[in-house]
Amino acid sequence: MIEFIKKLFQSEPAEEPVAVEFEYKGFKVSVKPRRVDGGYGVGGTISKEIDGQLLEQPFIRADSMASKDVCIEVTTNKAKMTIDQMGDSLFSTSGHK
């Protein structure tokens, strides 16, 4: 019972730091796995400077893995796939071109 009450008043864990940063086809990718239900969820940010303005798009996927290392690998692959599919339209307000 006391453990249950303690959990009610615990704050959220600190945000996970960037695990990996890399450049891919002119985009900068920051891989940031997040803690979810005993594992790690796919997420991060994709950014690119366009016309002198730094644009950034966060991405979160429903995928989760037990291993942080596997999550980093999956997130890296998903970010590359997103860039391959969307390119600069990732930052478009009108959506995918």
Foldseek 3Di string as FASTA:
>chain_A
DVVVVVVVPDDDDDFAAFPDWDDDPQKIWTWGWGDDDQWTWGWTKIWHQDPNDIDIDIDTDPDTDNDPVVSSVVNVVVVNVCCVQAPPQSRPPVHGD
